[in-house]
Amino acid sequence: GATASDDIVANVLDVNARARTRSVLVL
């Protein structure tokens, strides 16, 4: 999972993030 704090918002760009991969691309 992911989250962010303060002024920044995190959006996961990887479509396969549900597949429990080791890394994800975040915007």
mmCIF file of all heavy atoms, coordinates in Angstrom:
data_MODEL
# 
_entry.id   MODEL 
# 
loop_
_atom_site.group_PDB 
_atom_site.id 
_atom_site.type_symbol 
_atom_site.label_atom_id 
_atom_site.label_alt_id 
_atom_site.label_comp_id 
_atom_site.label_asym_id 
_atom_site.label_entity_id 
_atom_site.label_seq_id 
_atom_site.pdbx_PDB_ins_code 
_atom_site.Cartn_x 
_atom_site.Cartn_y 
_atom_site.Cartn_z 
_atom_site.occupancy 
_atom_site.B_iso_or_equiv 
_atom_site.pdbx_formal_charge 
_atom_site.auth_seq_id 
_atom_site.auth_comp_id 
_atom_site.auth_asym_id 
_atom_site.auth_atom_id 
_atom_site.pdbx_PDB_model_num 
ATOM 1   N N   . GLY A 1 1  ? 0.824  -1.205  0.000   1.00 0.00 ? 1  GLY A N   1 
ATOM 2   C CA  . GLY A 1 1  ? 0.000  0.000   0.000   1.00 0.00 ? 1  GLY A CA  1 
ATOM 3   C C   . GLY A 1 1  ? 0.856  1.251   0.000   1.00 0.00 ? 1  GLY A C   1 
ATOM 4   O O   . GLY A 1 1  ? 2.065  1.186   0.184   1.00 0.00 ? 1  GLY A O   1 
ATOM 5   N N   . ALA A 1 2  ? 0.205  2.400   -0.198  1.00 0.00 ? 2  ALA A N   1 
ATOM 6   C CA  . ALA A 1 2  ? 0.927  3.675   -0.225  1.00 0.00 ? 2  ALA A CA  1 
ATOM 7   C C   . ALA A 1 2  ? 0.068  4.772   0.389   1.00 0.00 ? 2  ALA A C   1 
ATOM 8   O O   . ALA A 1 2  ? -1.155 4.673   0.441   1.00 0.00 ? 2  ALA A O   1 
ATOM 9   C CB  . ALA A 1 2  ? 1.302  4.046   -1.654  1.00 0.00 ? 2  ALA A CB  1 
ATOM 10  N N   . THR A 1 3  ? 0.738  5.805   0.842   1.00 0.00 ? 3  THR A N   1 
ATOM 11  C CA  . THR A 1 3  ? 0.075  7.008   1.345   1.00 0.00 ? 3  THR A CA  1 
ATOM 12  C C   . THR A 1 3  ? 1.074  8.159   1.252   1.00 0.00 ? 3  THR A C   1 
ATOM 13  O O   . THR A 1 3  ? 2.241  7.945   0.911   1.00 0.00 ? 3  THR A O   1 
ATOM 14  C CB  . THR A 1 3  ? -0.439 6.813   2.791   1.00 0.00 ? 3  THR A CB  1 
ATOM 15  O OG1 . THR A 1 3  ? -1.301 7.902   3.131   1.00 0.00 ? 3  THR A OG1 1 
ATOM 16  C CG2 . THR A 1 3  ? 0.693  6.715   3.789   1.00 0.00 ? 3  THR A CG2 1 
ATOM 17  N N   . ALA A 1 4  ? 0.618  9.358   1.546   1.00 0.00 ? 4  ALA A N   1 
ATOM 18  C CA  . ALA A 1 4  ? 1.492  10.532  1.491   1.00 0.00 ? 4  ALA A CA  1 
ATOM 19  C C   . ALA A 1 4  ? 1.104  11.489  2.610   1.00 0.00 ? 4  ALA A C   1 
ATOM 20  O O   . ALA A 1 4  ? 0.069  11.327  3.257   1.00 0.00 ? 4  ALA A O   1 
ATOM 21  C CB  . ALA A 1 4  ? 1.375  11.216  0.134   1.00 0.00 ? 4  ALA A CB  1 
ATOM 22  N N   . SER A 1 5  ? 1.949  12.500  2.837   1.00 0.00 ? 5  SER A N   1 
ATOM 23  C CA  . SER A 1 5  ? 1.697  13.454  3.913   1.00 0.00 ? 5  SER A CA  1 
ATOM 24  C C   . SER A 1 5  ? 1.844  14.891  3.414   1.00 0.00 ? 5  SER A C   1 
ATOM 25  O O   . SER A 1 5  ? 2.385  15.141  2.343   1.00 0.00 ? 5  SER A O   1 
ATOM 26  C CB  . SER A 1 5  ? 2.682  13.215  5.067   1.00 0.00 ? 5  SER A CB  1 
ATOM 27  O OG  . SER A 1 5  ? 3.993  13.582  4.668   1.00 0.00 ? 5  SER A OG  1 
ATOM 28  N N   . ASP A 1 6  ? 1.366  15.810  4.224   1.00 0.00 ? 6  ASP A N   1 
ATOM 29  C CA  . ASP A 1 6  ? 1.478  17.255  4.001   1.00 0.00 ? 6  ASP A CA  1 
ATOM 30  C C   . ASP A 1 6  ? 0.854  17.669  2.667   1.00 0.00 ? 6  ASP A C   1 
ATOM 31  O O   . ASP A 1 6  ? -0.279 17.317  2.399   1.00 0.00 ? 6  ASP A O   1 
ATOM 32  C CB  . ASP A 1 6  ? 2.928  17.716  4.147   1.00 0.00 ? 6  ASP A CB  1 
ATOM 33  C CG  . ASP A 1 6  ? 3.491  17.387  5.524   1.00 0.00 ? 6  ASP A CG  1 
ATOM 34  O OD1 . ASP A 1 6  ? 2.739  17.468  6.507   1.00 0.00 ? 6  ASP A OD1 1 
ATOM 35  O OD2 . ASP A 1 6  ? 4.678  17.020  5.602   1.00 0.00 ? 6  ASP A OD2 1 
ATOM 36  N N   . ASP A 1 7  ? 1.611  18.388  1.814   1.00 0.00 ? 7  ASP A N   1 
ATOM 37  C CA  . ASP A 1 7  ? 1.070  18.916  0.555   1.00 0.00 ? 7  ASP A CA  1 
ATOM 38  C C   . ASP A 1 7  ? 1.042  17.881  -0.568  1.00 0.00 ? 7  ASP A C   1 
ATOM 39  O O   . ASP A 1 7  ? 0.407  18.100  -1.595  1.00 0.00 ? 7  ASP A O   1 
ATOM 40  C CB  . ASP A 1 7  ? 1.927  20.100  0.064   1.00 0.00 ? 7  ASP A CB  1 
ATOM 41  C CG  . ASP A 1 7  ? 2.021  21.220  1.075   1.00 0.00 ? 7  ASP A CG  1 
ATOM 42  O OD1 . ASP A 1 7  ? 1.044  21.440  1.809   1.00 0.00 ? 7  ASP A OD1 1 
ATOM 43  O OD2 . ASP A 1 7  ? 3.084  21.877  1.132   1.00 0.00 ? 7  ASP A OD2 1 
ATOM 44  N N   . ILE A 1 8  ? 1.758  16.780  -0.405  1.00 0.00 ? 8  ILE A N   1 
ATOM 45  C CA  . ILE A 1 8  ? 1.950  15.814  -1.490  1.00 0.00 ? 8  ILE A CA  1 
ATOM 46  C C   . ILE A 1 8  ? 0.873  14.735  -1.468  1.00 0.00 ? 8  ILE A C   1 
ATOM 47  O O   . ILE A 1 8  ? 0.475  14.260  -0.407  1.00 0.00 ? 8  ILE A O   1 
ATOM 48  C CB  . ILE A 1 8  ? 3.354  15.169  -1.380  1.00 0.00 ? 8  ILE A CB  1 
ATOM 49  C CG1 . ILE A 1 8  ? 4.444  16.250  -1.449  1.00 0.00 ? 8  ILE A CG1 1 
ATOM 50  C CG2 . ILE A 1 8  ? 3.572  14.113  -2.450  1.00 0.00 ? 8  ILE A CG2 1 
ATOM 51  C CD1 . ILE A 1 8  ? 4.489  17.034  -2.745  1.00 0.00 ? 8  ILE A CD1 1 
ATOM 52  N N   . VAL A 1 9  ? 0.428  14.355  -2.654  1.00 0.00 ? 9  VAL A N   1 
ATOM 53  C CA  . VAL A 1 9  ? -0.530 13.263  -2.851  1.00 0.00 ? 9  VAL A CA  1 
ATOM 54  C C   . VAL A 1 9  ? 0.161  12.204  -3.700  1.00 0.00 ? 9  VAL A C   1 
ATOM 55  O O   . VAL A 1 9  ? 0.793  12.533  -4.705  1.00 0.00 ? 9  VAL A O   1 
ATOM 56  C CB  . VAL A 1 9  ? -1.803 13.766  -3.564  1.00 0.00 ? 9  VAL A CB  1 
ATOM 57  C CG1 . VAL A 1 9  ? -2.768 12.624  -3.830  1.00 0.00 ? 9  VAL A CG1 1 
ATOM 58  C CG2 . VAL A 1 9  ? -2.470 14.862  -2.759  1.00 0.00 ? 9  VAL A CG2 1 
ATOM 59  N N   . ALA A 1 10 ? 0.046  10.927  -3.296  1.00 0.00 ? 10 ALA A N   1 
ATOM 60  C CA  . ALA A 1 10 ? 0.685  9.831   -4.038  1.00 0.00 ? 10 ALA A CA  1 
ATOM 61  C C   . ALA A 1 10 ? -0.356 9.067   -4.835  1.00 0.00 ? 10 ALA A C   1 
ATOM 62  O O   . ALA A 1 10 ? -1.378 8.655   -4.301  1.00 0.00 ? 10 ALA A O   1 
ATOM 63  C CB  . ALA A 1 10 ? 1.402  8.889   -3.076  1.00 0.00 ? 10 ALA A CB  1 
ATOM 64  N N   . ASN A 1 11 ? -0.083 8.876   -6.115  1.00 0.00 ? 11 ASN A N   1 
ATOM 65  C CA  . ASN A 1 11 ? -0.937 8.093   -6.998  1.00 0.00 ? 11 ASN A CA  1 
ATOM 66  C C   . ASN A 1 11 ? -0.107 6.958   -7.588  1.00 0.00 ? 11 ASN A C   1 
ATOM 67  O O   . ASN A 1 11 ? 0.926  7.216   -8.219  1.00 0.00 ? 11 ASN A O   1 
ATOM 68  C CB  . ASN A 1 11 ? -1.480 8.961   -8.136  1.00 0.00 ? 11 ASN A CB  1 
ATOM 69  C CG  . ASN A 1 11 ? -2.313 10.106  -7.631  1.00 0.00 ? 11 ASN A CG  1 
ATOM 70  O OD1 . ASN A 1 11 ? -3.346 9.884   -7.020  1.00 0.00 ? 11 ASN A OD1 1 
ATOM 71  N ND2 . ASN A 1 11 ? -1.850 11.324  -7.853  1.00 0.00 ? 11 ASN A ND2 1 
ATOM 72  N N   . VAL A 1 12 ? -0.543 5.727   -7.399  1.00 0.00 ? 12 VAL A N   1 
ATOM 73  C CA  . VAL A 1 12 ? 0.183  4.573   -7.933  1.00 0.00 ? 12 VAL A CA  1 
ATOM 74  C C   . VAL A 1 12 ? -0.163 4.438   -9.406  1.00 0.00 ? 12 VAL A C   1 
ATOM 75  O O   . VAL A 1 12 ? -1.336 4.352   -9.776  1.00 0.00 ? 12 VAL A O   1 
ATOM 76  C CB  . VAL A 1 12 ? -0.169 3.293   -7.152  1.00 0.00 ? 12 VAL A CB  1 
ATOM 77  C CG1 . VAL A 1 12 ? 0.533  2.094   -7.751  1.00 0.00 ? 12 VAL A CG1 1 
ATOM 78  C CG2 . VAL A 1 12 ? 0.203  3.461   -5.689  1.00 0.00 ? 12 VAL A CG2 1 
ATOM 79  N N   . LEU A 1 13 ? 0.866  4.425   -10.265 1.00 0.00 ? 13 LEU A N   1 
ATOM 80  C CA  . LEU A 1 13 ? 0.662  4.361   -11.706 1.00 0.00 ? 13 LEU A CA  1 
ATOM 81  C C   . LEU A 1 13 ? 0.680  2.938   -12.252 1.00 0.00 ? 13 LEU A C   1 
ATOM 82  O O   . LEU A 1 13 ? 0.143  2.698   -13.324 1.00 0.00 ? 13 LEU A O   1 
ATOM 83  C CB  . LEU A 1 13 ? 1.728  5.195   -12.424 1.00 0.00 ? 13 LEU A CB  1 
ATOM 84  C CG  . LEU A 1 13 ? 1.711  6.688   -12.119 1.00 0.00 ? 13 LEU A CG  1 
ATOM 85  C CD1 . LEU A 1 13 ? 2.847  7.379   -12.852 1.00 0.00 ? 13 LEU A CD1 1 
ATOM 86  C CD2 . LEU A 1 13 ? 0.389  7.302   -12.507 1.00 0.00 ? 13 LEU A CD2 1 
ATOM 87  N N   . ASP A 1 14 ? 1.306  2.012   -11.557 1.00 0.00 ? 14 ASP A N   1 
ATOM 88  C CA  . ASP A 1 14 ? 1.392  0.638   -12.046 1.00 0.00 ? 14 ASP A CA  1 
ATOM 89  C C   . ASP A 1 14 ? 0.033  -0.040  -11.978 1.00 0.00 ? 14 ASP A C   1 
ATOM 90  O O   . ASP A 1 14 ? -0.609 -0.078  -10.929 1.00 0.00 ? 14 ASP A O   1 
ATOM 91  C CB  . ASP A 1 14 ? 2.401  -0.172  -11.227 1.00 0.00 ? 14 ASP A CB  1 
ATOM 92  C CG  . ASP A 1 14 ? 3.833  0.173   -11.565 1.00 0.00 ? 14 ASP A CG  1 
ATOM 93  O OD1 . ASP A 1 14 ? 4.060  0.742   -12.651 1.00 0.00 ? 14 ASP A OD1 1 
ATOM 94  O OD2 . ASP A 1 14 ? 4.722  -0.124  -10.757 1.00 0.00 ? 14 ASP A OD2 1 
ATOM 95  N N   . VAL A 1 15 ? -0.391 -0.608  -13.082 1.00 0.00 ? 15 VAL A N   1 
ATOM 96  C CA  . VAL A 1 15 ? -1.674 -1.298  -13.139 1.00 0.00 ? 15 VAL A CA  1 
ATOM 97  C C   . VAL A 1 15 ? -1.606 -2.611  -12.355 1.00 0.00 ? 15 VAL A C   1 
ATOM 98  O O   . VAL A 1 15 ? -2.585 -3.022  -11.752 1.00 0.00 ? 15 VAL A O   1 
ATOM 99  C CB  . VAL A 1 15 ? -2.049 -1.600  -14.609 1.00 0.00 ? 15 VAL A CB  1 
ATOM 100 C CG1 . VAL A 1 15 ? -3.441 -2.195  -14.706 1.00 0.00 ? 15 VAL A CG1 1 
ATOM 101 C CG2 . VAL A 1 15 ? -1.949 -0.349  -15.448 1.00 0.00 ? 15 VAL A CG2 1 
ATOM 102 N N   . ASN A 1 16 ? -0.448 -3.237  -12.316 1.00 0.00 ? 16 ASN A N   1 
ATOM 103 C CA  . ASN A 1 16 ? -0.295 -4.540  -11.661 1.00 0.00 ? 16 ASN A CA  1 
ATOM 104 C C   . ASN A 1 16 ? 0.137  -4.427  -10.206 1.00 0.00 ? 16 ASN A C   1 
ATOM 105 O O   . ASN A 1 16 ? 0.699  -5.362  -9.659  1.00 0.00 ? 16 ASN A O   1 
ATOM 106 C CB  . ASN A 1 16 ? 0.704  -5.404  -12.426 1.00 0.00 ? 16 ASN A CB  1 
ATOM 107 C CG  . ASN A 1 16 ? 0.211  -5.727  -13.816 1.00 0.00 ? 16 ASN A CG  1 
ATOM 108 O OD1 . ASN A 1 16 ? -0.981 -5.886  -14.023 1.00 0.00 ? 16 ASN A OD1 1 
ATOM 109 N ND2 . ASN A 1 16 ? 1.122  -5.797  -14.758 1.00 0.00 ? 16 ASN A ND2 1 
ATOM 110 N N   . ALA A 1 17 ? -0.103 -3.295  -9.558  1.00 0.00 ? 17 ALA A N   1 
ATOM 111 C CA  . ALA A 1 17 ? 0.307  -3.116  -8.163  1.00 0.00 ? 17 ALA A CA  1 
ATOM 112 C C   . ALA A 1 17 ? -0.398 -4.107  -7.242  1.00 0.00 ? 17 ALA A C   1 
ATOM 113 O O   . ALA A 1 17 ? 0.101  -4.445  -6.187  1.00 0.00 ? 17 ALA A O   1 
ATOM 114 C CB  . ALA A 1 17 ? 0.026  -1.696  -7.703  1.00 0.00 ? 17 ALA A CB  1 
ATOM 115 N N   . ARG A 1 18 ? -1.572 -4.598  -7.643  1.00 0.00 ? 18 ARG A N   1 
ATOM 116 C CA  . ARG A 1 18 ? -2.286 -5.582  -6.835  1.00 0.00 ? 18 ARG A CA  1 
ATOM 117 C C   . ARG A 1 18 ? -1.564 -6.921  -6.799  1.00 0.00 ? 18 ARG A C   1 
ATOM 118 O O   . ARG A 1 18 ? -1.845 -7.760  -5.975  1.00 0.00 ? 18 ARG A O   1 
ATOM 119 C CB  . ARG A 1 18 ? -3.690 -5.780  -7.398  1.00 0.00 ? 18 ARG A CB  1 
ATOM 120 C CG  . ARG A 1 18 ? -4.534 -4.534  -7.345  1.00 0.00 ? 18 ARG A CG  1 
ATOM 121 C CD  . ARG A 1 18 ? -5.905 -4.789  -7.948  1.00 0.00 ? 18 ARG A CD  1 
ATOM 122 N NE  . ARG A 1 18 ? -5.853 -5.270  -9.325  1.00 0.00 ? 18 ARG A NE  1 
ATOM 123 C CZ  . ARG A 1 18 ? -5.741 -4.513  -10.403 1.00 0.00 ? 18 ARG A CZ  1 
ATOM 124 N NH1 . ARG A 1 18 ? -5.635 -3.214  -10.258 1.00 0.00 ? 18 ARG A NH1 1 
ATOM 125 N NH2 . ARG A 1 18 ? -5.728 -5.007  -11.600 1.00 0.00 ? 18 ARG A NH2 1 
ATOM 126 N N   . ALA A 1 19 ? -0.632 -7.130  -7.708  1.00 0.00 ? 19 ALA A N   1 
ATOM 127 C CA  . ALA A 1 19 ? 0.045  -8.419  -7.828  1.00 0.00 ? 19 ALA A CA  1 
ATOM 128 C C   . ALA A 1 19 ? 1.155  -8.593  -6.791  1.00 0.00 ? 19 ALA A C   1 
ATOM 129 O O   . ALA A 1 19 ? 1.931  -9.524  -6.887  1.00 0.00 ? 19 ALA A O   1 
ATOM 130 C CB  . ALA A 1 19 ? 0.618  -8.581  -9.227  1.00 0.00 ? 19 ALA A CB  1 
ATOM 131 N N   . ARG A 1 20 ? 1.213  -7.705  -5.792  1.00 0.00 ? 20 ARG A N   1 
ATOM 132 C CA  . ARG A 1 20 ? 2.223  -7.768  -4.740  1.00 0.00 ? 20 ARG A CA  1 
ATOM 133 C C   . ARG A 1 20 ? 3.644  -7.806  -5.322  1.00 0.00 ? 20 ARG A C   1 
ATOM 134 O O   . ARG A 1 20 ? 4.424  -8.689  -5.026  1.00 0.00 ? 20 ARG A O   1 
ATOM 135 C CB  . ARG A 1 20 ? 1.963  -8.943  -3.814  1.00 0.00 ? 20 ARG A CB  1 
ATOM 136 C CG  . ARG A 1 20 ? 0.620  -8.862  -3.125  1.00 0.00 ? 20 ARG A CG  1 
ATOM 137 C CD  . ARG A 1 20 ? 0.545  -9.863  -1.992  1.00 0.00 ? 20 ARG A CD  1 
ATOM 138 N NE  . ARG A 1 20 ? -0.801 -10.041 -1.514  1.00 0.00 ? 20 ARG A NE  1 
ATOM 139 C CZ  . ARG A 1 20 ? -1.390 -9.276  -0.617  1.00 0.00 ? 20 ARG A CZ  1 
ATOM 140 N NH1 . ARG A 1 20 ? -0.768 -8.248  -0.124  1.00 0.00 ? 20 ARG A NH1 1 
ATOM 141 N NH2 . ARG A 1 20 ? -2.609 -9.521  -0.216  1.00 0.00 ? 20 ARG A NH2 1 
ATOM 142 N N   . THR A 1 21 ? 3.923  -6.810  -6.130  1.00 0.00 ? 21 THR A N   1 
ATOM 143 C CA  . THR A 1 21 ? 5.252  -6.670  -6.704  1.00 0.00 ? 21 THR A CA  1 
ATOM 144 C C   . THR A 1 21 ? 6.184  -5.999  -5.703  1.00 0.00 ? 21 THR A C   1 
ATOM 145 O O   . THR A 1 21 ? 5.745  -5.460  -4.697  1.00 0.00 ? 21 THR A O   1 
ATOM 146 C CB  . THR A 1 21 ? 5.190  -5.814  -7.989  1.00 0.00 ? 21 THR A CB  1 
ATOM 147 O OG1 . THR A 1 21 ? 4.639  -4.548  -7.662  1.00 0.00 ? 21 THR A OG1 1 
ATOM 148 C CG2 . THR A 1 21 ? 4.364  -6.489  -9.055  1.00 0.00 ? 21 THR A CG2 1 
ATOM 149 N N   . ARG A 1 22 ? 7.461  -6.019  -5.995  1.00 0.00 ? 22 ARG A N   1 
ATOM 150 C CA  . ARG A 1 22 ? 8.436  -5.434  -5.081  1.00 0.00 ? 22 ARG A CA  1 
ATOM 151 C C   . ARG A 1 22 ? 8.526  -3.923  -5.226  1.00 0.00 ? 22 ARG A C   1 
ATOM 152 O O   . ARG A 1 22 ? 8.848  -3.209  -4.279  1.00 0.00 ? 22 ARG A O   1 
ATOM 153 C CB  . ARG A 1 22 ? 9.808  -6.062  -5.335  1.00 0.00 ? 22 ARG A CB  1 
ATOM 154 C CG  . ARG A 1 22 ? 10.836 -5.602  -4.331  1.00 0.00 ? 22 ARG A CG  1 
ATOM 155 C CD  . ARG A 1 22 ? 12.080 -6.449  -4.347  1.00 0.00 ? 22 ARG A CD  1 
ATOM 156 N NE  . ARG A 1 22 ? 13.094 -5.764  -3.574  1.00 0.00 ? 22 ARG A NE  1 
ATOM 157 C CZ  . ARG A 1 22 ? 14.297 -5.471  -4.019  1.00 0.00 ? 22 ARG A CZ  1 
ATOM 158 N NH1 . ARG A 1 22 ? 14.668 -5.858  -5.213  1.00 0.00 ? 22 ARG A NH1 1 
ATOM 159 N NH2 . ARG A 1 22 ? 15.140 -4.833  -3.259  1.00 0.00 ? 22 ARG A NH2 1 
ATOM 160 N N   . SER A 1 23 ? 8.234  -3.403  -6.411  1.00 0.00 ? 23 SER A N   1 
ATOM 161 C CA  . SER A 1 23 ? 8.304  -1.954  -6.598  1.00 0.00 ? 23 SER A CA  1 
ATOM 162 C C   . SER A 1 23 ? 7.133  -1.480  -7.461  1.00 0.00 ? 23 SER A C   1 
ATOM 163 O O   . SER A 1 23 ? 6.606  -2.221  -8.283  1.00 0.00 ? 23 SER A O   1 
ATOM 164 C CB  . SER A 1 23 ? 9.631  -1.553  -7.236  1.00 0.00 ? 23 SER A CB  1 
ATOM 165 O OG  . SER A 1 23 ? 9.693  -1.998  -8.567  1.00 0.00 ? 23 SER A OG  1 
ATOM 166 N N   . VAL A 1 24 ? 6.749  -0.225  -7.231  1.00 0.00 ? 24 VAL A N   1 
ATOM 167 C CA  . VAL A 1 24 ? 5.672  0.388   -8.002  1.00 0.00 ? 24 VAL A CA  1 
ATOM 168 C C   . VAL A 1 24 ? 6.100  1.785   -8.430  1.00 0.00 ? 24 VAL A C   1 
ATOM 169 O O   . VAL A 1 24 ? 6.932  2.425   -7.792  1.00 0.00 ? 24 VAL A O   1 
ATOM 170 C CB  . VAL A 1 24 ? 4.351  0.476   -7.202  1.00 0.00 ? 24 VAL A CB  1 
ATOM 171 C CG1 . VAL A 1 24 ? 3.806  -0.898  -6.892  1.00 0.00 ? 24 VAL A CG1 1 
ATOM 172 C CG2 . VAL A 1 24 ? 4.520  1.284   -5.953  1.00 0.00 ? 24 VAL A CG2 1 
ATOM 173 N N   . LEU A 1 25 ? 5.511  2.242   -9.521  1.00 0.00 ? 25 LEU A N   1 
ATOM 174 C CA  . LEU A 1 25 ? 5.744  3.593   -10.011 1.00 0.00 ? 25 LEU A CA  1 
ATOM 175 C C   . LEU A 1 25 ? 4.714  4.509   -9.365  1.00 0.00 ? 25 LEU A C   1 
ATOM 176 O O   . LEU A 1 25 ? 3.513  4.232   -9.408  1.00 0.00 ? 25 LEU A O   1 
ATOM 177 C CB  . LEU A 1 25 ? 5.625  3.629   -11.534 1.00 0.00 ? 25 LEU A CB  1 
ATOM 178 C CG  . LEU A 1 25 ? 6.010  4.920   -12.219 1.00 0.00 ? 25 LEU A CG  1 
ATOM 179 C CD1 . LEU A 1 25 ? 7.479  5.252   -11.969 1.00 0.00 ? 25 LEU A CD1 1 
ATOM 180 C CD2 . LEU A 1 25 ? 5.744  4.811   -13.703 1.00 0.00 ? 25 LEU A CD2 1 
ATOM 181 N N   . VAL A 1 26 ? 5.181  5.595   -8.755  1.00 0.00 ? 26 VAL A N   1 
ATOM 182 C CA  . VAL A 1 26 ? 4.306  6.514   -8.023  1.00 0.00 ? 26 VAL A CA  1 
ATOM 183 C C   . VAL A 1 26 ? 4.413  7.899   -8.646  1.00 0.00 ? 26 VAL A C   1 
ATOM 184 O O   . VAL A 1 26 ? 5.504  8.356   -8.995  1.00 0.00 ? 26 VAL A O   1 
ATOM 185 C CB  . VAL A 1 26 ? 4.720  6.576   -6.533  1.00 0.00 ? 26 VAL A CB  1 
ATOM 186 C CG1 . VAL A 1 26 ? 3.937  7.626   -5.783  1.00 0.00 ? 26 VAL A CG1 1 
ATOM 187 C CG2 . VAL A 1 26 ? 4.550  5.223   -5.883  1.00 0.00 ? 26 VAL A CG2 1 
ATOM 188 N N   . LEU A 1 27 ? 3.274  8.570   -8.786  1.00 0.00 ? 27 LEU A N   1 
ATOM 189 C CA  . LEU A 1 27 ? 3.241  9.951   -9.243  1.00 0.00 ? 27 LEU A CA  1 
ATOM 190 C C   . LEU A 1 27 ? 2.944  10.830  -8.037  1.00 0.00 ? 27 LEU A C   1 
ATOM 191 O O   . LEU A 1 27 ? 1.918  10.668  -7.377  1.00 0.00 ? 27 LEU A O   1 
ATOM 192 C CB  . LEU A 1 27 ? 2.160  10.154  -10.315 1.00 0.00 ? 27 LEU A CB  1 
ATOM 193 C CG  . LEU A 1 27 ? 2.010  11.576  -10.847 1.00 0.00 ? 27 LEU A CG  1 
ATOM 194 C CD1 . LEU A 1 27 ? 3.257  11.981  -11.630 1.00 0.00 ? 27 LEU A CD1 1 
ATOM 195 C CD2 . LEU A 1 27 ? 0.779  11.678  -11.721 1.00 0.00 ? 27 LEU A CD2 1 
# 
